[in-house]
Amino acid sequence: MKKLIILLCVLASSMLFAQETYFELLRQDLSTKKVALITDVMQFTDAEAEVFWPMYREYDFERQKIGDELLKLIKEYAKHFQDLTDEKATELMNKNLDLKGEKNNLNIIYFRKFSTIIAPARAAKFMQVMNQIDLIIDTQLASQIPLIGEKINPMPPEEENQM
């Protein structure tokens, strides 16, 4: 019995590590694609690129911290969504709104910063691109997160057979 418990703990740890590794790989892939998209859309001059990318890395680092908190929030929600109490719903919703506020404040701060190193219209275009990227990511996330109290249906038999 003791060996079984140890084995289950090791398995759970490795699954959590694999999940975290998977999210990190997705983040790296997304980051690479974002940079490629921004580069393609913005068509920076060499002078713009020289000042833009260091500031972008600062901005992206701050966005990742908010993203990490959002991931924690999603994990917490996943534990409780089928039997969410009013208290837990309020706690999670308040945290979600706080994170949205933090992200909005970050965008305000960095729009102003970017506007000092590239033309404000170019900074606005960059923020517009980031907003579009966020909308795509948010839509993907929303499509994967069940509503409160929703039952998760097992995979239909025809999909199981295809795996």
C-alpha atoms as a PDB file:
ATOM      1  CA  MET A   1       0.000   0.000   0.000  1.00  0.00           C
ATOM      2  CA  LYS A   2       2.820   2.383   0.888  1.00  0.00           C
ATOM      3  CA  LYS A   3       4.476   1.677  -2.483  1.00  0.00           C
ATOM      4  CA  LEU A   4       1.204   2.385  -4.268  1.00  0.00           C
ATOM      5  CA  ILE A   5       0.856   5.750  -2.517  1.00  0.00           C
ATOM      6  CA  ILE A   6       4.445   6.652  -3.389  1.00  0.00           C
ATOM      7  CA  LEU A   7       3.858   5.588  -7.006  1.00  0.00           C
ATOM      8  CA  LEU A   8       0.689   7.690  -7.196  1.00  0.00           C
ATOM      9  CA  CYS A   9       2.533  10.698  -5.760  1.00  0.00           C
ATOM     10  CA  VAL A  10       5.352  10.293  -8.286  1.00  0.00           C
ATOM     11  CA  LEU A  11       2.820   9.911 -11.114  1.00  0.00           C
ATOM     12  CA  ALA A  12       0.876  12.968  -9.989  1.00  0.00           C
ATOM     13  CA  SER A  13       4.093  14.979  -9.728  1.00  0.00           C
ATOM     14  CA  SER A  14       5.243  13.913 -13.168  1.00  0.00           C
ATOM     15  CA  MET A  15       1.810  14.712 -14.641  1.00  0.00           C
ATOM     16  CA  LEU A  16       1.890  18.164 -13.045  1.00  0.00           C
ATOM     17  CA  PHE A  17       5.439  18.666 -14.318  1.00  0.00           C
ATOM     18  CA  ALA A  18       4.382  17.502 -17.801  1.00  0.00           C
ATOM     19  CA  GLN A  19       1.408  19.883 -17.725  1.00  0.00           C
ATOM     20  CA  GLU A  20       3.616  22.787 -16.631  1.00  0.00           C
ATOM     21  CA  THR A  21       6.191  21.852 -19.282  1.00  0.00           C
ATOM     22  CA  TYR A  22       3.433  21.704 -21.900  1.00  0.00           C
ATOM     23  CA  PHE A  23       2.187  25.178 -20.941  1.00  0.00           C
ATOM     24  CA  GLU A  24       5.737  26.513 -21.044  1.00  0.00           C
ATOM     25  CA  LEU A  25       6.262  25.065 -24.534  1.00  0.00           C
ATOM     26  CA  LEU A  26       2.974  26.598 -25.668  1.00  0.00           C
ATOM     27  CA  ARG A  27       4.040  29.933 -24.195  1.00  0.00           C
ATOM     28  CA  GLN A  28       7.393  29.805 -25.983  1.00  0.00           C
ATOM     29  CA  ASP A  29       5.720  28.911 -29.273  1.00  0.00           C
ATOM     30  CA  LEU A  30       3.164  31.685 -28.836  1.00  0.00           C
ATOM     31  CA  SER A  31       5.895  34.153 -27.940  1.00  0.00           C
ATOM     32  CA  THR A  32       7.828  33.268 -31.098  1.00  0.00           C
ATOM     33  CA  LYS A  33       4.704  33.612 -33.218  1.00  0.00           C
ATOM     34  CA  LYS A  34       3.809  36.954 -31.593  1.00  0.00           C
ATOM     35  CA  VAL A  35       7.246  38.357 -32.366  1.00  0.00           C
ATOM     36  CA  ALA A  36       6.993  37.157 -35.971  1.00  0.00           C
ATOM     37  CA  LEU A  37       3.513  38.658 -36.346  1.00  0.00           C
ATOM     38  CA  ILE A  38       4.522  41.978 -34.769  1.00  0.00           C
ATOM     39  CA  THR A  39       7.611  42.123 -36.987  1.00  0.00           C
ATOM     40  CA  ASP A  40       5.529  41.405 -40.083  1.00  0.00           C
ATOM     41  CA  VAL A  41       2.732  43.857 -39.307  1.00  0.00           C
ATOM     42  CA  MET A  42       4.810  46.706 -37.918  1.00  0.00           C
ATOM     43  CA  GLN A  43       7.588  46.686 -40.534  1.00  0.00           C
ATOM     44  CA  PHE A  44       9.978  48.490 -38.190  1.00  0.00           C
ATOM     45  CA  THR A  45      12.844  50.515 -39.534  1.00  0.00           C
ATOM     46  CA  ASP A  46      16.229  49.504 -38.132  1.00  0.00           C
ATOM     47  CA  ALA A  47      16.164  52.542 -35.831  1.00  0.00           C
ATOM     48  CA  GLU A  48      12.668  51.694 -34.556  1.00  0.00           C
ATOM     49  CA  ALA A  49      13.527  48.040 -34.026  1.00  0.00           C
ATOM     50  CA  GLU A  50      16.614  48.970 -32.044  1.00  0.00           C
ATOM     51  CA  VAL A  51      14.570  50.881 -29.450  1.00  0.00           C
ATOM     52  CA  PHE A  52      11.314  48.923 -29.706  1.00  0.00           C
ATOM     53  CA  TRP A  53      12.420  45.345 -28.974  1.00  0.00           C
ATOM     54  CA  PRO A  54      14.134  45.966 -25.617  1.00  0.00           C
ATOM     55  CA  MET A  55      11.022  47.786 -24.385  1.00  0.00           C
ATOM     56  CA  TYR A  56       8.805  45.073 -25.862  1.00  0.00           C
ATOM     57  CA  ARG A  57      10.704  42.441 -23.833  1.00  0.00           C
ATOM     58  CA  GLU A  58      10.014  44.442 -20.652  1.00  0.00           C
ATOM     59  CA  TYR A  59       6.347  44.732 -21.604  1.00  0.00           C
ATOM     60  CA  ASP A  60       6.071  41.047 -22.477  1.00  0.00           C
ATOM     61  CA  PHE A  61       7.737  40.052 -19.188  1.00  0.00           C
ATOM     62  CA  GLU A  62       5.130  42.047 -17.248  1.00  0.00           C
ATOM     63  CA  ARG A  63       2.329  40.531 -19.353  1.00  0.00           C
ATOM     64  CA  GLN A  64       3.676  37.044 -18.626  1.00  0.00           C
ATOM     65  CA  LYS A  65       3.473  37.700 -14.888  1.00  0.00           C
ATOM     66  CA  ILE A  66      -0.204  38.562 -15.293  1.00  0.00           C
ATOM     67  CA  GLY A  67      -0.599  35.476 -17.509  1.00  0.00           C
ATOM     68  CA  ASP A  68       0.923  33.312 -14.776  1.00  0.00           C
ATOM     69  CA  GLU A  69      -1.646  34.644 -12.313  1.00  0.00           C
ATOM     70  CA  LEU A  70      -4.423  33.980 -14.822  1.00  0.00           C
ATOM     71  CA  LEU A  71      -3.219  30.405 -15.237  1.00  0.00           C
ATOM     72  CA  LYS A  72      -3.330  29.944 -11.443  1.00  0.00           C
ATOM     73  CA  LEU A  73      -6.847  31.369 -11.443  1.00  0.00           C
ATOM     74  CA  ILE A  74      -7.956  28.984 -14.202  1.00  0.00           C
ATOM     75  CA  LYS A  75      -6.509  26.038 -12.293  1.00  0.00           C
ATOM     76  CA  GLU A  76      -8.356  27.151  -9.156  1.00  0.00           C
ATOM     77  CA  TYR A  77     -11.578  27.518 -11.134  1.00  0.00           C
ATOM     78  CA  ALA A  78     -11.088  24.051 -12.649  1.00  0.00           C
ATOM     79  CA  LYS A  79     -11.065  22.571  -9.144  1.00  0.00           C
ATOM     80  CA  HIS A  80     -14.391  24.158  -8.213  1.00  0.00           C
ATOM     81  CA  PHE A  81     -16.487  24.978 -11.296  1.00  0.00           C
ATOM     82  CA  GLN A  82     -18.957  22.108 -10.853  1.00  0.00           C
ATOM     83  CA  ASP A  83     -19.740  22.950  -7.240  1.00  0.00           C
ATOM     84  CA  LEU A  84     -18.802  26.615  -6.948  1.00  0.00           C
ATOM     85  CA  THR A  85     -20.030  28.327  -3.797  1.00  0.00           C
ATOM     86  CA  ASP A  86     -21.100  31.967  -3.852  1.00  0.00           C
ATOM     87  CA  GLU A  87     -18.053  32.835  -1.761  1.00  0.00           C
ATOM     88  CA  LYS A  88     -15.620  31.074  -4.120  1.00  0.00           C
ATOM     89  CA  ALA A  89     -17.359  32.533  -7.183  1.00  0.00           C
ATOM     90  CA  THR A  90     -16.968  36.032  -5.742  1.00  0.00           C
ATOM     91  CA  GLU A  91     -13.314  35.404  -4.894  1.00  0.00           C
ATOM     92  CA  LEU A  92     -12.487  34.062  -8.369  1.00  0.00           C
ATOM     93  CA  MET A  93     -14.462  36.750 -10.189  1.00  0.00           C
ATOM     94  CA  ASN A  94     -12.823  39.533  -8.179  1.00  0.00           C
ATOM     95  CA  LYS A  95      -9.381  38.121  -8.945  1.00  0.00           C
ATOM     96  CA  ASN A  96     -10.279  37.844 -12.646  1.00  0.00           C
ATOM     97  CA  LEU A  97     -11.435  41.473 -12.723  1.00  0.00           C
ATOM     98  CA  ASP A  98      -8.294  42.557 -10.851  1.00  0.00           C
ATOM     99  CA  LEU A  99      -6.120  40.808 -13.444  1.00  0.00           C
ATOM    100  CA  LYS A 100      -8.022  42.477 -16.290  1.00  0.00           C
ATOM    101  CA  GLY A 101      -7.449  45.818 -14.554  1.00  0.00           C
ATOM    102  CA  GLU A 102      -3.733  45.089 -14.140  1.00  0.00           C
ATOM    103  CA  LYS A 103      -3.460  44.213 -17.812  1.00  0.00           C
ATOM    104  CA  ASN A 104      -5.330  47.363 -18.825  1.00  0.00           C
ATOM    105  CA  ASN A 105      -3.087  49.514 -16.604  1.00  0.00           C
ATOM    106  CA  LEU A 106      -0.018  47.842 -18.079  1.00  0.00           C
ATOM    107  CA  ASN A 107      -1.271  48.649 -21.582  1.00  0.00           C
ATOM    108  CA  ILE A 108      -1.813  52.290 -20.616  1.00  0.00           C
ATOM    109  CA  ILE A 109       1.670  52.573 -19.136  1.00  0.00           C
ATOM    110  CA  TYR A 110       3.375  50.887 -22.064  1.00  0.00           C
ATOM    111  CA  PHE A 111       1.396  52.723 -24.739  1.00  0.00           C
ATOM    112  CA  ARG A 112       2.772  55.916 -23.226  1.00  0.00           C
ATOM    113  CA  LYS A 113       6.295  54.455 -23.076  1.00  0.00           C
ATOM    114  CA  PHE A 114       6.174  53.142 -26.640  1.00  0.00           C
ATOM    115  CA  SER A 115       4.859  56.527 -27.791  1.00  0.00           C
ATOM    116  CA  THR A 116       8.080  58.138 -26.554  1.00  0.00           C
ATOM    117  CA  ILE A 117      10.332  55.885 -28.644  1.00  0.00           C
ATOM    118  CA  ILE A 118       8.220  55.399 -31.785  1.00  0.00           C
ATOM    119  CA  ALA A 119       5.514  57.656 -33.195  1.00  0.00           C
ATOM    120  CA  PRO A 120       2.273  57.532 -31.185  1.00  0.00           C
ATOM    121  CA  ALA A 121       0.366  56.289 -34.249  1.00  0.00           C
ATOM    122  CA  ARG A 122       2.876  53.426 -34.567  1.00  0.00           C
ATOM    123  CA  ALA A 123       2.565  52.708 -30.830  1.00  0.00           C
ATOM    124  CA  ALA A 124      -1.229  52.665 -31.218  1.00  0.00           C
ATOM    125  CA  LYS A 125      -0.906  50.235 -34.141  1.00  0.00           C
ATOM    126  CA  PHE A 126       1.271  47.957 -32.003  1.00  0.00           C
ATOM    127  CA  MET A 127      -1.263  48.057 -29.163  1.00  0.00           C
ATOM    128  CA  GLN A 128      -3.993  47.281 -31.693  1.00  0.00           C
ATOM    129  CA  VAL A 129      -2.036  44.193 -32.831  1.00  0.00           C
ATOM    130  CA  MET A 130      -1.566  43.104 -29.213  1.00  0.00           C
ATOM    131  CA  ASN A 131      -5.294  43.553 -28.588  1.00  0.00           C
ATOM    132  CA  GLN A 132      -6.103  41.361 -31.586  1.00  0.00           C
ATOM    133  CA  ILE A 133      -3.696  38.680 -30.348  1.00  0.00           C
ATOM    134  CA  ASP A 134      -5.290  38.865 -26.887  1.00  0.00           C
ATOM    135  CA  LEU A 135      -8.773  38.509 -28.377  1.00  0.00           C
ATOM    136  CA  ILE A 136      -7.728  35.356 -30.234  1.00  0.00           C
ATOM    137  CA  ILE A 137      -6.157  33.861 -27.104  1.00  0.00           C
ATOM    138  CA  ASP A 138      -9.132  34.855 -24.934  1.00  0.00           C
ATOM    139  CA  THR A 139     -11.548  33.282 -27.425  1.00  0.00           C
ATOM    140  CA  GLN A 140      -9.550  30.048 -27.433  1.00  0.00           C
ATOM    141  CA  LEU A 141      -9.443  30.004 -23.636  1.00  0.00           C
ATOM    142  CA  ALA A 142     -13.148  30.768 -23.297  1.00  0.00           C
ATOM    143  CA  SER A 143     -14.024  27.933 -25.644  1.00  0.00           C
ATOM    144  CA  GLN A 144     -12.132  25.490 -23.426  1.00  0.00           C
ATOM    145  CA  ILE A 145     -13.332  26.642 -20.003  1.00  0.00           C
ATOM    146  CA  PRO A 146     -16.687  25.197 -18.951  1.00  0.00           C
ATOM    147  CA  LEU A 147     -19.388  27.386 -17.468  1.00  0.00           C
ATOM    148  CA  ILE A 148     -20.084  27.239 -13.742  1.00  0.00           C
ATOM    149  CA  GLY A 149     -21.949  24.069 -12.832  1.00  0.00           C
ATOM    150  CA  GLU A 150     -21.586  22.582 -16.296  1.00  0.00           C
ATOM    151  CA  LYS A 151     -21.045  18.836 -16.456  1.00  0.00           C
ATOM    152  CA  ILE A 152     -18.129  17.657 -18.543  1.00  0.00           C
ATOM    153  CA  ASN A 153     -19.272  15.038 -21.008  1.00  0.00           C
ATOM    154  CA  PRO A 154     -16.939  12.166 -21.714  1.00  0.00           C
ATOM    155  CA  MET A 155     -15.461  11.937 -25.178  1.00  0.00           C
ATOM    156  CA  PRO A 156     -17.996  10.556 -27.703  1.00  0.00           C
ATOM    157  CA  PRO A 157     -17.257   6.927 -28.653  1.00  0.00           C
ATOM    158  CA  GLU A 158     -16.440   7.791 -32.272  1.00  0.00           C
ATOM    159  CA  GLU A 159     -13.715  10.243 -31.094  1.00  0.00           C
ATOM    160  CA  GLU A 160     -12.272   7.666 -28.664  1.00  0.00           C
ATOM    161  CA  ASN A 161     -11.899   5.180 -31.528  1.00  0.00           C
ATOM    162  CA  GLN A 162      -9.959   7.721 -33.593  1.00  0.00           C
ATOM    163  CA  MET A 163      -7.291   8.103 -30.902  1.00  0.00           C
END
